[in-house]
PDB file of N, CA and C in Angstrom:
ATOM      1  N   MET A   1    -105.386  77.532   7.494  1.00  0.00           N
ATOM      2  CA  MET A   1    -104.393  77.249   6.562  1.00  0.00           C
ATOM      3  C   MET A   1    -104.187  75.752   6.674  1.00  0.00           C
ATOM      4  N   ASN A   2    -103.809  75.263   5.433  1.00  0.00           N
ATOM      5  CA  ASN A   2    -103.607  73.788   5.490  1.00  0.00           C
ATOM      6  C   ASN A   2    -102.083  73.523   5.671  1.00  0.00           C
ATOM      7  N   VAL A   3    -101.734  72.369   6.236  1.00  0.00           N
ATOM      8  CA  VAL A   3    -100.317  72.126   6.567  1.00  0.00           C
ATOM      9  C   VAL A   3    -100.138  70.738   6.229  1.00  0.00           C
ATOM     10  N   LEU A   4     -99.100  70.422   5.624  1.00  0.00           N
ATOM     11  CA  LEU A   4     -98.497  69.100   5.278  1.00  0.00           C
ATOM     12  C   LEU A   4     -98.449  68.173   6.641  1.00  0.00           C
ATOM     13  N   LYS A   5     -98.659  67.112   6.470  1.00  0.00           N
ATOM     14  CA  LYS A   5     -98.448  66.158   7.586  1.00  0.00           C
ATOM     15  C   LYS A   5     -96.975  65.926   7.773  1.00  0.00           C
ATOM     16  N   PRO A   6     -96.532  65.660   8.892  1.00  0.00           N
ATOM     17  CA  PRO A   6     -95.145  65.741   9.331  1.00  0.00           C
ATOM     18  C   PRO A   6     -94.258  65.060   8.658  1.00  0.00           C
ATOM     19  N   HIS A   7     -94.775  63.573   8.257  1.00  0.00           N
ATOM     20  CA  HIS A   7     -93.972  62.783   7.257  1.00  0.00           C
ATOM     21  C   HIS A   7     -93.841  63.215   6.005  1.00  0.00           C
ATOM     22  N   LEU A   8     -94.712  64.018   5.376  1.00  0.00           N
ATOM     23  CA  LEU A   8     -94.551  64.671   4.143  1.00  0.00           C
ATOM     24  C   LEU A   8     -93.875  65.854   4.051  1.00  0.00           C
ATOM     25  N   GLN A   9     -93.656  66.599   5.296  1.00  0.00           N
ATOM     26  CA  GLN A   9     -92.873  67.639   5.409  1.00  0.00           C
ATOM     27  C   GLN A   9     -91.338  67.256   5.353  1.00  0.00           C
ATOM     28  N   SER A  10     -91.301  66.068   6.216  1.00  0.00           N
ATOM     29  CA  SER A  10     -89.717  65.588   6.241  1.00  0.00           C
ATOM     30  C   SER A  10     -89.263  65.072   4.938  1.00  0.00           C
ATOM     31  N   THR A  11     -90.297  64.512   4.130  1.00  0.00           N
ATOM     32  CA  THR A  11     -89.829  63.931   2.876  1.00  0.00           C
ATOM     33  C   THR A  11     -89.534  65.122   1.959  1.00  0.00           C
ATOM     34  N   VAL A  12     -90.383  66.277   1.891  1.00  0.00           N
ATOM     35  CA  VAL A  12     -90.081  67.410   0.977  1.00  0.00           C
ATOM     36  C   VAL A  12     -88.636  68.058   1.405  1.00  0.00           C
ATOM     37  N   PHE A  13     -88.379  68.194   2.791  1.00  0.00           N
ATOM     38  CA  PHE A  13     -87.145  68.881   3.255  1.00  0.00           C
ATOM     39  C   PHE A  13     -86.199  67.965   2.840  1.00  0.00           C
ATOM     40  N   THR A  14     -86.012  66.669   2.991  1.00  0.00           N
ATOM     41  CA  THR A  14     -85.040  65.679   2.518  1.00  0.00           C
ATOM     42  C   THR A  14     -84.860  65.820   1.036  1.00  0.00           C
ATOM     43  N   LEU A  15     -85.889  65.782   0.267  1.00  0.00           N
ATOM     44  CA  LEU A  15     -85.443  65.783  -1.211  1.00  0.00           C
ATOM     45  C   LEU A  15     -85.054  67.271  -1.535  1.00  0.00           C
ATOM     46  N   LEU A  16     -85.322  68.232  -0.924  1.00  0.00           N
ATOM     47  CA  LEU A  16     -84.768  69.574  -1.093  1.00  0.00           C
ATOM     48  C   LEU A  16     -83.277  69.560  -0.803  1.00  0.00           C
ATOM     49  N   GLU A  17     -82.941  68.875   0.272  1.00  0.00           N
ATOM     50  CA  GLU A  17     -81.561  68.848   0.728  1.00  0.00           C
ATOM     51  C   GLU A  17     -80.771  68.063  -0.428  1.00  0.00           C
ATOM     52  N   ARG A  18     -81.342  67.088  -1.150  1.00  0.00           N
ATOM     53  CA  ARG A  18     -80.689  66.298  -2.188  1.00  0.00           C
ATOM     54  C   ARG A  18     -80.791  66.890  -3.470  1.00  0.00           C
ATOM     55  N   ASN A  19     -81.195  68.191  -3.499  1.00  0.00           N
ATOM     56  CA  ASN A  19     -81.243  69.030  -4.781  1.00  0.00           C
ATOM     57  C   ASN A  19     -82.151  68.464  -5.784  1.00  0.00           C
ATOM     58  N   LYS A  20     -83.253  67.989  -5.425  1.00  0.00           N
ATOM     59  CA  LYS A  20     -84.266  67.461  -6.364  1.00  0.00           C
ATOM     60  C   LYS A  20     -85.023  68.767  -6.792  1.00  0.00           C
ATOM     61  N   SER A  21     -85.663  68.682  -7.986  1.00  0.00           N
ATOM     62  CA  SER A  21     -86.497  69.749  -8.509  1.00  0.00           C
ATOM     63  C   SER A  21     -87.833  69.742  -8.082  1.00  0.00           C
ATOM     64  N   GLN A  22     -88.530  70.781  -8.145  1.00  0.00           N
ATOM     65  CA  GLN A  22     -89.847  70.829  -7.675  1.00  0.00           C
ATOM     66  C   GLN A  22     -90.661  69.876  -8.488  1.00  0.00           C
ATOM     67  N   ARG A  23     -90.488  69.818  -9.569  1.00  0.00           N
ATOM     68  CA  ARG A  23     -91.137  68.878 -10.494  1.00  0.00           C
ATOM     69  C   ARG A  23     -90.822  67.257 -10.015  1.00  0.00           C
ATOM     70  N   GLN A  24     -89.646  66.961  -9.731  1.00  0.00           N
ATOM     71  CA  GLN A  24     -89.259  65.697  -9.362  1.00  0.00           C
ATOM     72  C   GLN A  24     -90.021  65.405  -8.004  1.00  0.00           C
ATOM     73  N   ILE A  25     -90.078  66.293  -7.084  1.00  0.00           N
ATOM     74  CA  ILE A  25     -90.736  66.111  -5.758  1.00  0.00           C
ATOM     75  C   ILE A  25     -92.181  65.895  -6.074  1.00  0.00           C
ATOM     76  N   GLN A  26     -92.903  66.788  -6.824  1.00  0.00           N
ATOM     77  CA  GLN A  26     -94.263  66.578  -7.152  1.00  0.00           C
ATOM     78  C   GLN A  26     -94.517  65.371  -7.756  1.00  0.00           C
ATOM     79  N   ARG A  27     -93.776  64.620  -8.605  1.00  0.00           N
ATOM     80  CA  ARG A  27     -93.935  63.506  -9.210  1.00  0.00           C
ATOM     81  C   ARG A  27     -93.794  62.300  -8.168  1.00  0.00           C
ATOM     82  N   LEU A  28     -92.889  62.395  -7.147  1.00  0.00           N
ATOM     83  CA  LEU A  28     -92.700  61.468  -6.225  1.00  0.00           C
ATOM     84  C   LEU A  28     -93.655  61.444  -5.122  1.00  0.00           C
ATOM     85  N   THR A  29     -94.109  62.698  -4.750  1.00  0.00           N
ATOM     86  CA  THR A  29     -94.928  62.788  -3.630  1.00  0.00           C
ATOM     87  C   THR A  29     -96.444  63.147  -3.835  1.00  0.00           C
ATOM     88  N   GLY A  30     -96.751  63.729  -5.066  1.00  0.00           N
ATOM     89  CA  GLY A  30     -97.979  64.144  -5.312  1.00  0.00           C
ATOM     90  C   GLY A  30     -98.441  65.522  -4.791  1.00  0.00           C
ATOM     91  N   ILE A  31     -97.510  66.170  -4.130  1.00  0.00           N
ATOM     92  CA  ILE A  31     -97.729  67.510  -3.508  1.00  0.00           C
ATOM     93  C   ILE A  31     -97.510  68.565  -4.538  1.00  0.00           C
ATOM     94  N   ASP A  32     -98.462  69.612  -4.578  1.00  0.00           N
ATOM     95  CA  ASP A  32     -98.470  70.561  -5.568  1.00  0.00           C
ATOM     96  C   ASP A  32     -97.136  71.359  -5.593  1.00  0.00           C
ATOM     97  N   ARG A  33     -96.720  71.875  -6.716  1.00  0.00           N
ATOM     98  CA  ARG A  33     -95.394  72.607  -6.846  1.00  0.00           C
ATOM     99  C   ARG A  33     -95.473  73.814  -6.087  1.00  0.00           C
ATOM    100  N   LYS A  34     -96.696  74.550  -5.987  1.00  0.00           N
ATOM    101  CA  LYS A  34     -96.740  75.739  -5.197  1.00  0.00           C
ATOM    102  C   LYS A  34     -96.490  75.523  -3.639  1.00  0.00           C
ATOM    103  N   THR A  35     -96.820  74.370  -3.170  1.00  0.00           N
ATOM    104  CA  THR A  35     -96.770  73.964  -1.792  1.00  0.00           C
ATOM    105  C   THR A  35     -95.254  73.701  -1.546  1.00  0.00           C
ATOM    106  N   ILE A  36     -94.677  73.057  -2.519  1.00  0.00           N
ATOM    107  CA  ILE A  36     -93.241  72.686  -2.397  1.00  0.00           C
ATOM    108  C   ILE A  36     -92.499  73.956  -2.399  1.00  0.00           C
ATOM    109  N   ARG A  37     -92.668  74.979  -3.204  1.00  0.00           N
ATOM    110  CA  ARG A  37     -92.243  76.217  -3.410  1.00  0.00           C
ATOM    111  C   ARG A  37     -92.208  76.973  -1.948  1.00  0.00           C
ATOM    112  N   ARG A  38     -93.363  76.872  -1.364  1.00  0.00           N
ATOM    113  CA  ARG A  38     -93.691  77.491   0.067  1.00  0.00           C
ATOM    114  C   ARG A  38     -92.586  76.898   1.103  1.00  0.00           C
ATOM    115  N   TYR A  39     -92.533  75.735   1.096  1.00  0.00           N
ATOM    116  CA  TYR A  39     -91.504  74.909   1.946  1.00  0.00           C
ATOM    117  C   TYR A  39     -90.150  75.113   1.658  1.00  0.00           C
ATOM    118  N   GLN A  40     -89.880  75.280   0.328  1.00  0.00           N
ATOM    119  CA  GLN A  40     -88.526  75.586  -0.106  1.00  0.00           C
ATOM    120  C   GLN A  40     -88.114  76.945   0.467  1.00  0.00           C
ATOM    121  N   ALA A  41     -89.171  77.866   0.390  1.00  0.00           N
ATOM    122  CA  ALA A  41     -88.599  79.283   0.882  1.00  0.00           C
ATOM    123  C   ALA A  41     -88.496  79.059   2.487  1.00  0.00           C
ATOM    124  N   ILE A  42     -89.268  78.390   3.154  1.00  0.00           N
ATOM    125  CA  ILE A  42     -89.020  78.292   4.425  1.00  0.00           C
ATOM    126  C   ILE A  42     -87.746  77.541   4.865  1.00  0.00           C
ATOM    127  N   PHE A  43     -87.342  76.464   4.011  1.00  0.00           N
ATOM    128  CA  PHE A  43     -86.174  75.713   4.266  1.00  0.00           C
ATOM    129  C   PHE A  43     -85.004  76.563   3.907  1.00  0.00           C
ATOM    130  N   GLY A  44     -84.979  77.427   2.958  1.00  0.00           N
ATOM    131  CA  GLY A  44     -83.874  78.292   2.405  1.00  0.00           C
ATOM    132  C   GLY A  44     -83.725  79.427   3.356  1.00  0.00           C
ATOM    133  N   SER A  45     -84.691  79.850   4.284  1.00  0.00           N
ATOM    134  CA  SER A  45     -84.543  81.044   4.955  1.00  0.00           C
ATOM    135  C   SER A  45     -83.387  80.942   5.993  1.00  0.00           C
ATOM    136  N   PRO A  46     -82.824  82.220   6.343  1.00  0.00           N
ATOM    137  CA  PRO A  46     -81.815  81.939   7.570  1.00  0.00           C
ATOM    138  C   PRO A  46     -82.232  81.512   8.710  1.00  0.00           C
ATOM    139  N   GLN A  47     -83.666  81.531   9.117  1.00  0.00           N
ATOM    140  CA  GLN A  47     -84.035  81.040  10.218  1.00  0.00           C
ATOM    141  C   GLN A  47     -84.731  79.621   9.989  1.00  0.00           C
ATOM    142  N   ALA A  48     -84.118  78.802   9.132  1.00  0.00           N
ATOM    143  CA  ALA A  48     -84.725  77.557   8.749  1.00  0.00           C
ATOM    144  C   ALA A  48     -84.675  76.517   9.856  1.00  0.00           C
ATOM    145  N   SER A  49     -83.793  76.676  10.803  1.00  0.00           N
ATOM    146  CA  SER A  49     -83.748  75.523  11.782  1.00  0.00           C
ATOM    147  C   SER A  49     -84.919  75.820  12.782  1.00  0.00           C
ATOM    148  N   SER A  50     -85.234  77.135  13.086  1.00  0.00           N
ATOM    149  CA  SER A  50     -86.293  77.415  14.124  1.00  0.00           C
ATOM    150  C   SER A  50     -87.636  77.371  13.202  1.00  0.00           C
ATOM    151  N   ALA A  51     -87.697  77.478  12.071  1.00  0.00           N
ATOM    152  CA  ALA A  51     -88.967  77.503  11.168  1.00  0.00           C
ATOM    153  C   ALA A  51     -89.465  76.140  11.080  1.00  0.00           C
ATOM    154  N   ASN A  52     -88.365  75.116  10.806  1.00  0.00           N
ATOM    155  CA  ASN A  52     -88.773  73.692  10.539  1.00  0.00           C
ATOM    156  C   ASN A  52     -89.454  73.133  11.745  1.00  0.00           C
ATOM    157  N   SER A  53     -88.965  73.664  12.975  1.00  0.00           N
ATOM    158  CA  SER A  53     -89.605  73.029  14.173  1.00  0.00           C
ATOM    159  C   SER A  53     -91.001  73.555  14.627  1.00  0.00           C
ATOM    160  N   SER A  54     -91.274  74.780  13.935  1.00  0.00           N
ATOM    161  CA  SER A  54     -92.366  75.331  14.452  1.00  0.00           C
ATOM    162  C   SER A  54     -93.760  75.045  13.387  1.00  0.00           C
ATOM    163  N   ILE A  55     -93.391  74.306  12.165  1.00  0.00           N
ATOM    164  CA  ILE A  55     -94.426  74.181  11.199  1.00  0.00           C
ATOM    165  C   ILE A  55     -95.301  72.862  11.704  1.00  0.00           C
TER     166      ILE A  55
END
């Protein structure tokens, strides 16, 4: 399974925190929207704090 590099992960999480849309994040980073959706699901889960450190 492919995983985003740590700096891109933190960028996605930061932009999600700032309520940016998937399309806006895609335009800024070049990351596919499906990938952003996957990280959004991780970020929004109740176990987000432990999931973020294990990715």
